[in-house]
């Protein structure tokens, strides 16, 4: 079957970037469907108790504000300089935005795999006939599978659903895959919904990024009211202070968190014990499934400790299985699309605030009309910001329409 005219667009993910892409398509009167395996803003809901470092003004677009205002008069947007939580962002921006394109969103529908009609992965490399065939999307809705077709696919699925592992070199630690259902790999609301699960418990916290810093700060606060709460926080680097602070950091909330977490790591009076140069070698889930025996390698020697809870804030990775049958050129270091990954590697930026968009060409893949936007486009590079994703949306529609000057944000 040949492609239709106008092109049918499949957008994967109803998060901030997927919704923005849908809004862009609607404004251009292009047919589109947004597939979301969970709820609107699913990933933001999951870590939504955490406050964003960036202000609301950086995380909304003129197009989005105008669309919401056109359907909800006097909608109370947060102040531009307000740093709100993830849940607040969903409630006050993403859900109203989703209402604008609600008729084109299929929630609780997971796209499992994507292929090209009439071609296997290894066939038709560089052949224009491959790009003339529609995509086949295997979609699962409430345990019922079906095949959908599209001429353009925009993958905005993010990375939060796919955690990395605790073991040496990034592989699972011995016993980790068996213990996985009992380990928390995301940002846990230990002061809210999960408080009863962590109060007065011994906790192993793994990781030295801002997610781990957020968790460490929350666990320390929990320990003030529940004195038997004790956290062993480990990181593989040798630094006694886990977070690198940025001079004159423009994101005040980020700097405040880094300062507090570093302070926790160098003190012993907050029920938090930080161990540098320490990694997880093995995890044994004990018979009652209520605790773990963990083998750590610390400063060259092994030791075994028992914990009632494990929180692994070790980062996330793209779901590459989704496009296994497509011709996607991936970065060997980050798993992001190669063109963009090469440009990101060349910038050597140590602060996400210095990131800039890299233009439409950076979004092209060997697979015609397949684009990866949002956090997933950065792979394991953690410097992604929503404003970069909005630029990507604008850029991808210049490719789709062939209008290099198209900019609905002006």
Protein backbone atom coordinates (compact mmCIF):
# COMPACT_ATOMS: atom_id res chain seq x y z
CA UNK A 1 0.00 0.00 0.00
CA UNK A 2 1.39 3.42 -0.91
CA UNK A 3 1.51 6.32 1.51
CA UNK A 4 -1.59 8.42 1.95
CA UNK A 5 -1.85 12.14 1.27
CA UNK A 6 -1.76 14.05 3.61
CA UNK A 7 0.58 11.89 5.71
CA UNK A 8 -0.80 10.09 8.74
CA UNK A 9 1.28 10.83 11.84
CA UNK A 10 1.67 8.46 14.80
CA UNK A 11 2.96 10.15 17.96
CA UNK A 12 4.16 7.84 20.71
CA UNK A 13 3.77 9.20 24.21
CA UNK A 14 1.37 11.78 25.70
CA UNK A 15 3.95 13.58 27.79
CA UNK A 16 5.08 17.20 27.35
CA UNK A 17 6.73 16.64 23.95
CA UNK A 18 4.17 14.22 22.52
CA UNK A 19 1.28 16.54 23.37
CA UNK A 20 3.16 19.48 21.88
CA UNK A 21 3.71 17.50 18.67
CA UNK A 22 0.01 16.66 18.56
CA UNK A 23 -0.93 20.29 19.04
CA UNK A 24 1.44 21.29 16.23
CA UNK A 25 -0.12 18.69 13.90
CA UNK A 26 -3.63 19.90 14.76
CA UNK A 27 -2.73 23.50 14.00
CA UNK A 28 -1.42 22.37 10.61
CA UNK A 29 -4.54 20.25 9.98
CA UNK A 30 -2.48 17.07 9.62
CA UNK A 31 -4.06 13.72 10.63
CA UNK A 32 -2.44 12.30 13.76
CA UNK A 33 -2.93 9.88 16.62
CA UNK A 34 -1.18 9.99 19.99
CA UNK A 35 -0.57 6.58 21.58
CA UNK A 36 0.00 6.55 25.34
CA UNK A 37 0.51 3.33 27.28
CA UNK A 38 -0.56 4.88 30.58
CA UNK A 39 -2.13 8.18 31.58
CA UNK A 40 -1.55 11.66 30.20
CA UNK A 41 1.87 12.70 31.50
CA UNK A 42 2.44 9.21 32.93
CA UNK A 43 6.13 9.66 33.73
CA UNK A 44 5.56 13.04 35.36
CA UNK A 45 2.84 11.51 37.52
CA UNK A 46 5.29 8.88 38.74
CA UNK A 47 7.90 11.34 39.97
CA UNK A 48 5.40 14.16 40.36
CA UNK A 49 6.04 14.84 44.05
CA UNK A 50 9.41 16.33 43.05
CA UNK A 51 9.75 20.00 42.20
CA UNK A 52 11.21 20.85 38.79
CA UNK A 53 14.47 22.81 38.74
CA UNK A 54 13.36 24.82 35.73
CA UNK A 55 10.64 27.46 35.96
CA UNK A 56 7.19 27.10 34.43
CA UNK A 57 8.03 29.74 31.84
CA UNK A 58 10.68 27.40 30.42
CA UNK A 59 8.31 24.43 30.34
CA UNK A 60 5.34 25.87 28.42
CA UNK A 61 5.03 27.28 24.91
CA UNK A 62 3.10 30.23 23.46
CA UNK A 63 1.24 27.75 21.25
CA UNK A 64 0.24 25.63 24.23
CA UNK A 65 -0.86 28.58 26.33
CA UNK A 66 -2.94 29.98 23.48
CA UNK A 67 -4.60 26.62 22.81
CA UNK A 68 -5.53 26.17 26.47
CA UNK A 69 -6.77 29.74 26.80
CA UNK A 70 -8.99 29.27 23.74
CA UNK A 71 -10.88 26.45 25.46
CA UNK A 72 -10.57 27.45 29.13
CA UNK A 73 -11.13 31.15 29.67
CA UNK A 74 -9.11 32.63 32.55
CA UNK A 75 -7.16 29.39 33.04
CA UNK A 76 -4.82 29.97 36.03
CA UNK A 77 -1.34 29.31 34.65
CA UNK A 78 1.50 29.23 37.19
CA UNK A 79 3.78 32.27 37.28
CA UNK A 80 6.59 32.14 34.74
CA UNK A 81 9.24 32.11 37.46
CA UNK A 82 7.51 29.46 39.59
CA UNK A 83 9.24 26.11 40.10
CA UNK A 84 6.30 23.75 40.47
CA UNK A 85 6.12 19.99 41.07
CA UNK A 86 5.70 17.46 38.31
CA UNK A 87 2.13 16.75 39.41
CA UNK A 88 1.27 20.42 39.38
CA UNK A 89 2.68 20.69 35.86
CA UNK A 90 0.48 17.81 34.73
CA UNK A 91 -2.62 19.23 36.38
CA UNK A 92 -2.16 22.86 35.38
CA UNK A 93 -0.65 22.47 31.91
CA UNK A 94 -0.54 18.96 30.43
CA UNK A 95 -4.11 17.90 31.20
CA UNK A 96 -5.63 21.15 29.86
CA UNK A 97 -3.36 20.81 26.80
CA UNK A 98 -4.48 17.21 26.31
CA UNK A 99 -8.11 18.37 26.32
CA UNK A 100 -7.37 20.35 23.14
CA UNK A 101 -6.36 17.16 21.29
CA UNK A 102 -8.35 14.67 23.39
CA UNK A 103 -10.16 13.16 20.39
CA UNK A 104 -6.81 12.07 18.91
CA UNK A 105 -5.32 10.45 22.05
CA UNK A 106 -5.49 6.71 22.74
CA UNK A 107 -4.53 6.10 26.37
CA UNK A 108 -3.74 2.69 27.87
CA UNK A 109 -2.50 1.75 24.41
CA UNK A 110 1.07 0.58 24.12
CA UNK A 111 2.92 0.44 20.81
CA UNK A 112 5.02 -2.71 21.14
CA UNK A 113 6.93 -2.76 17.87
CA UNK A 114 7.24 -0.87 14.58
CA UNK A 115 8.19 -2.09 11.11
CA UNK A 116 7.95 -1.06 7.44
CA UNK A 117 5.31 -2.68 5.26
CA UNK A 118 6.98 -4.94 2.71
CA UNK A 119 10.51 -4.62 4.14
CA UNK A 120 12.58 -6.35 6.76
CA UNK A 121 15.16 -4.36 8.70
CA UNK A 122 18.07 -5.40 6.47
CA UNK A 123 16.27 -4.63 3.22
CA UNK A 124 16.12 -1.45 1.16
CA UNK A 125 18.84 0.56 2.88
CA UNK A 126 18.98 3.86 1.02
CA UNK A 127 16.26 2.72 -1.38
CA UNK A 128 13.61 5.47 -1.80
CA UNK A 129 10.96 2.75 -2.21
CA UNK A 130 11.37 1.88 1.48
CA UNK A 131 10.32 5.37 2.46
CA UNK A 132 7.22 5.13 0.26
CA UNK A 133 5.76 2.32 2.35
CA UNK A 134 3.76 2.94 5.53
CA UNK A 135 4.89 2.01 9.02
CA UNK A 136 3.20 -0.91 10.74
CA UNK A 137 2.63 -0.36 14.46
CA UNK A 138 1.75 -3.33 16.66
CA UNK A 139 -0.43 -1.75 19.35
CA UNK A 140 -1.86 -3.36 22.48
CA UNK A 141 -4.95 -1.90 24.13
CA UNK A 142 -6.29 -3.67 27.24
CA UNK A 143 -4.66 -6.98 26.18
CA UNK A 144 -6.05 -6.78 22.66
CA UNK A 145 -3.49 -6.48 19.85
CA UNK A 146 -4.01 -4.77 16.51
CA UNK A 147 -1.89 -3.30 13.72
CA UNK A 148 -2.09 0.40 12.93
CA UNK A 149 -0.52 2.19 9.97
CA UNK A 150 1.20 5.56 9.73
CA UNK A 151 3.34 7.42 7.23
CA UNK A 152 5.32 9.33 9.87
CA UNK A 153 6.25 8.18 13.37
CA UNK A 154 7.40 10.55 16.12
CA UNK A 155 8.74 8.68 19.15
CA UNK A 156 8.34 10.80 22.32
CA UNK A 157 8.26 7.91 24.81
CA UNK A 158 11.06 9.14 27.06
CA UNK A 159 13.27 6.89 29.18
CA UNK A 160 11.83 6.88 32.72
CA UNK A 161 10.14 3.47 32.31
CA UNK A 162 13.43 1.72 31.58
CA UNK A 163 15.88 1.76 34.46
CA UNK A 164 19.55 0.93 34.35
CA UNK A 165 21.14 -1.73 36.57
CA UNK A 166 23.13 -1.71 39.79
CA UNK A 167 26.01 -4.04 38.96
CA UNK A 168 29.57 -3.37 37.81
CA UNK A 169 29.89 -1.83 34.36
CA UNK A 170 26.12 -1.44 34.03
CA UNK A 171 25.15 -5.12 34.06
CA UNK A 172 22.75 -6.41 36.72
CA UNK A 173 24.37 -7.25 40.03
CA UNK A 174 24.31 -10.93 40.93
CA UNK A 175 20.76 -11.70 42.03
CA UNK A 176 19.41 -8.31 40.94
CA UNK A 177 17.09 -9.58 38.24
CA UNK A 178 15.46 -11.94 40.75
CA UNK A 179 15.13 -9.13 43.30
CA UNK A 180 14.05 -6.50 40.74
CA UNK A 181 10.32 -6.48 41.64
CA UNK A 182 11.25 -5.55 45.21
CA UNK A 183 13.72 -2.76 44.34
CA UNK A 184 12.58 0.85 43.78
CA UNK A 185 14.26 2.23 40.65
CA UNK A 186 12.45 5.55 40.37
CA UNK A 187 11.96 8.64 42.49
CA UNK A 188 10.10 7.37 45.53
CA UNK A 189 7.80 9.67 47.51
CA UNK A 190 9.21 8.63 50.89
CA UNK A 191 7.63 11.64 52.59
CA UNK A 192 4.22 11.02 51.05
CA UNK A 193 2.61 7.95 49.51
CA UNK A 194 5.50 5.62 50.45
CA UNK A 195 6.18 7.03 53.90
CA UNK A 196 4.84 4.01 55.78
CA UNK A 197 7.06 1.72 53.70
CA UNK A 198 10.31 3.55 54.54
CA UNK A 199 9.79 4.97 58.02
CA UNK A 200 12.07 3.27 60.58
CA UNK A 201 13.64 1.08 57.89
CA UNK A 202 17.25 0.51 56.87
CA UNK A 203 17.65 1.75 53.30
CA UNK A 204 20.37 1.30 50.68
CA UNK A 205 20.40 4.24 48.27
CA UNK A 206 22.52 3.86 45.13
CA UNK A 207 23.46 6.74 42.81
CA UNK A 208 25.02 10.19 42.91
CA UNK A 209 22.91 12.23 40.50
CA UNK A 210 20.18 14.70 41.31
CA UNK A 211 17.58 11.95 41.64
CA UNK A 212 19.66 10.27 44.35
CA UNK A 213 20.25 13.66 45.98
CA UNK A 214 16.50 14.26 46.08
CA UNK A 215 15.93 10.84 47.65
CA UNK A 216 18.75 11.29 50.18
CA UNK A 217 17.35 14.64 51.28
CA UNK A 218 13.87 13.18 51.69
CA UNK A 219 15.14 10.17 53.65
CA UNK A 220 17.13 12.45 55.96
CA UNK A 221 13.98 14.47 56.61
CA UNK A 222 12.04 11.27 57.26
CA UNK A 223 14.68 10.30 59.82
CA UNK A 224 14.01 13.42 61.86
CA UNK A 225 10.56 12.15 62.82
CA UNK A 226 11.33 8.42 62.61
CA UNK A 227 14.67 7.99 64.31
CA UNK A 228 15.13 4.34 63.34
CA UNK A 229 15.24 5.30 59.65
CA UNK A 230 18.82 4.82 58.50
CA UNK A 231 20.16 5.36 54.98
CA UNK A 232 23.40 4.01 53.57
CA UNK A 233 24.05 6.06 50.45
CA UNK A 234 26.69 4.76 48.04
CA UNK A 235 28.40 6.10 44.92
CA UNK A 236 31.09 4.58 42.73
CA UNK A 237 33.19 7.75 42.37
CA UNK A 238 35.85 8.64 44.92
CA UNK A 239 34.48 12.10 45.68
CA UNK A 240 33.42 12.68 49.28
CA UNK A 241 30.80 15.12 47.99
CA UNK A 242 28.61 13.33 45.42
CA UNK A 243 27.14 16.35 43.57
CA UNK A 244 29.16 18.71 41.42
CA UNK A 245 27.89 22.24 41.96
CA UNK A 246 27.80 24.68 39.06
CA UNK A 247 29.31 28.12 39.74
CA UNK A 248 26.59 30.79 39.70
CA UNK A 249 24.02 28.13 38.91
CA UNK A 250 21.05 29.81 37.15
CA UNK A 251 18.75 27.09 38.52
CA UNK A 252 18.52 27.99 42.20
CA UNK A 253 16.56 24.90 43.21
CA UNK A 254 19.20 22.67 41.65
CA UNK A 255 22.02 24.41 43.51
CA UNK A 256 20.10 24.32 46.78
CA UNK A 257 19.61 20.57 46.42
CA UNK A 258 23.26 19.95 45.54
CA UNK A 259 24.45 21.94 48.56
CA UNK A 260 22.09 20.12 50.92
CA UNK A 261 22.94 16.65 49.56
CA UNK A 262 26.68 17.31 49.76
CA UNK A 263 26.23 18.45 53.33
CA UNK A 264 24.37 15.23 54.16
CA UNK A 265 27.16 13.17 52.62
CA UNK A 266 29.86 14.72 54.78
CA UNK A 267 28.00 14.55 58.11
CA UNK A 268 26.84 11.63 60.25
CA UNK A 269 24.08 13.25 62.29
CA UNK A 270 21.22 12.99 59.79
CA UNK A 271 20.80 9.20 59.77
CA UNK A 272 22.60 9.16 56.40
CA UNK A 273 25.95 7.44 55.89
CA UNK A 274 27.61 8.16 52.54
CA UNK A 275 30.16 5.69 51.14
CA UNK A 276 32.24 6.80 48.16
CA UNK A 277 34.14 4.35 45.90
CA UNK A 278 31.44 1.76 46.59
CA UNK A 279 29.53 -0.50 44.21
CA UNK A 280 26.97 -3.31 44.44
CA UNK A 281 28.25 -6.78 43.54
CA UNK A 282 25.41 -9.04 44.65
CA UNK A 283 21.89 -8.90 46.06
CA UNK A 284 20.12 -11.74 47.81
CA UNK A 285 16.43 -11.40 48.51
CA UNK A 286 15.93 -13.05 51.89
CA UNK A 287 13.30 -15.71 52.47
CA UNK A 288 10.61 -13.40 53.79
CA UNK A 289 10.95 -11.04 50.80
CA UNK A 290 11.13 -8.22 53.32
CA UNK A 291 14.87 -7.59 53.32
CA UNK A 292 18.05 -7.98 51.30
CA UNK A 293 21.56 -9.21 51.89
CA UNK A 294 23.83 -6.99 49.75
CA UNK A 295 27.48 -7.54 48.92
CA UNK A 296 29.29 -4.24 48.44
CA UNK A 297 32.77 -3.58 47.18
CA UNK A 298 34.03 -0.51 49.00
CA UNK A 299 37.51 0.93 48.48
CA UNK A 300 38.73 -2.42 47.15
CA UNK A 301 37.33 -4.71 49.84
CA UNK A 302 34.07 -6.63 50.14
CA UNK A 303 31.52 -6.37 52.87
CA UNK A 304 28.03 -7.72 53.35
CA UNK A 305 25.18 -5.70 54.83
CA UNK A 306 21.46 -6.23 55.28
CA UNK A 307 18.84 -3.69 54.29
CA UNK A 308 15.07 -3.61 54.41
CA UNK A 309 14.75 -1.39 51.33
CA UNK A 310 16.79 -0.61 48.23
CA UNK A 311 16.34 2.54 46.12
CA UNK A 312 18.34 2.51 42.88
CA UNK A 313 18.59 6.02 41.42
CA UNK A 314 21.08 4.92 38.76
CA UNK A 315 19.54 6.48 35.67
CA UNK A 316 17.42 5.40 32.74
CA UNK A 317 17.93 4.15 29.21
CA UNK A 318 15.91 4.25 25.95
CA UNK A 319 13.56 1.43 24.97
CA UNK A 320 15.29 0.41 21.75
CA UNK A 321 13.17 -2.71 21.27
CA UNK A 322 10.41 -0.48 19.95
CA UNK A 323 12.27 0.17 16.70
CA UNK A 324 14.37 -2.97 16.49
CA UNK A 325 13.04 -3.71 12.99
CA UNK A 326 13.76 -0.20 11.67
CA UNK A 327 16.98 1.27 10.30
CA UNK A 328 17.99 3.50 13.20
CA UNK A 329 21.61 4.63 13.53
CA UNK A 330 22.28 4.62 17.26
CA UNK A 331 25.15 6.14 19.21
CA UNK A 332 27.43 3.43 20.60
CA UNK A 333 27.84 5.39 23.86
CA UNK A 334 24.40 6.85 24.65
CA UNK A 335 21.92 4.85 22.48
CA UNK A 336 20.55 8.17 21.21
CA UNK A 337 20.09 8.68 17.44
CA UNK A 338 23.61 9.07 16.03
CA UNK A 339 23.36 12.44 14.30
CA UNK A 340 22.15 14.24 17.38
CA UNK A 341 24.39 12.25 19.73
CA UNK A 342 27.49 13.25 17.75
CA UNK A 343 26.53 16.91 17.98
CA UNK A 344 25.85 16.63 21.71
CA UNK A 345 29.21 14.95 22.28
CA UNK A 346 30.90 17.78 20.43
CA UNK A 347 29.48 20.48 22.70
CA UNK A 348 31.11 19.14 25.89
CA UNK A 349 28.56 21.11 27.90
CA UNK A 350 28.54 20.35 31.63
CA UNK A 351 25.33 22.27 32.32
CA UNK A 352 21.98 21.51 30.71
CA UNK A 353 21.20 25.23 30.66
CA UNK A 354 23.88 25.67 28.01
CA UNK A 355 22.28 23.16 25.67
CA UNK A 356 20.92 24.47 22.37
CA UNK A 357 18.86 22.94 19.61
CA UNK A 358 20.78 21.47 16.70
CA UNK A 359 18.31 21.97 13.87
CA UNK A 360 16.14 19.72 11.69
CA UNK A 361 19.00 17.76 10.13
CA UNK A 362 20.02 16.43 13.54
CA UNK A 363 16.65 14.67 13.85
CA UNK A 364 16.90 12.62 10.66
CA UNK A 365 17.45 8.85 10.77
CA UNK A 366 18.37 6.41 8.00
CA UNK A 367 14.75 5.26 8.37
CA UNK A 368 12.75 7.86 6.40
CA UNK A 369 10.06 9.74 8.33
CA UNK A 370 10.95 8.24 11.71
CA UNK A 371 11.95 10.73 14.41
CA UNK A 372 12.95 10.46 18.05
CA UNK A 373 12.19 13.58 20.11
CA UNK A 374 12.36 14.52 23.77
CA UNK A 375 14.42 12.88 26.51
CA UNK A 376 14.76 9.70 24.46
CA UNK A 377 16.57 11.62 21.72
CA UNK A 378 19.33 12.33 24.24
CA UNK A 379 19.67 8.64 25.14
CA UNK A 380 21.71 8.40 28.34
CA UNK A 381 22.76 12.03 28.13
CA UNK A 382 20.98 13.66 31.08
CA UNK A 383 21.14 17.26 29.84
CA UNK A 384 17.76 17.32 28.13
CA UNK A 385 15.41 20.22 28.88
CA UNK A 386 11.78 20.59 27.81
CA UNK A 387 12.59 23.77 25.89
CA UNK A 388 14.95 21.69 23.71
CA UNK A 389 12.09 19.28 23.06
CA UNK A 390 9.84 22.13 21.98
CA UNK A 391 12.50 23.24 19.50
CA UNK A 392 12.65 19.67 18.21
CA UNK A 393 8.88 19.69 17.64
CA UNK A 394 9.18 22.88 15.60
CA UNK A 395 12.12 21.46 13.64
CA UNK A 396 10.49 18.12 12.85
CA UNK A 397 7.44 19.83 11.38
CA UNK A 398 9.65 21.88 9.09
CA UNK A 399 10.82 18.51 7.74
CA UNK A 400 7.30 17.09 7.53
CA UNK A 401 5.86 20.12 5.73
CA UNK A 402 8.95 21.07 3.74
CA UNK A 403 8.62 24.64 5.02
CA UNK A 404 11.98 25.60 6.52
CA UNK A 405 10.54 28.82 7.95
CA UNK A 406 7.58 27.21 9.72
CA UNK A 407 7.41 28.34 13.36
CA UNK A 408 4.10 28.23 15.21
CA UNK A 409 5.74 29.51 18.38
CA UNK A 410 6.15 33.03 16.98
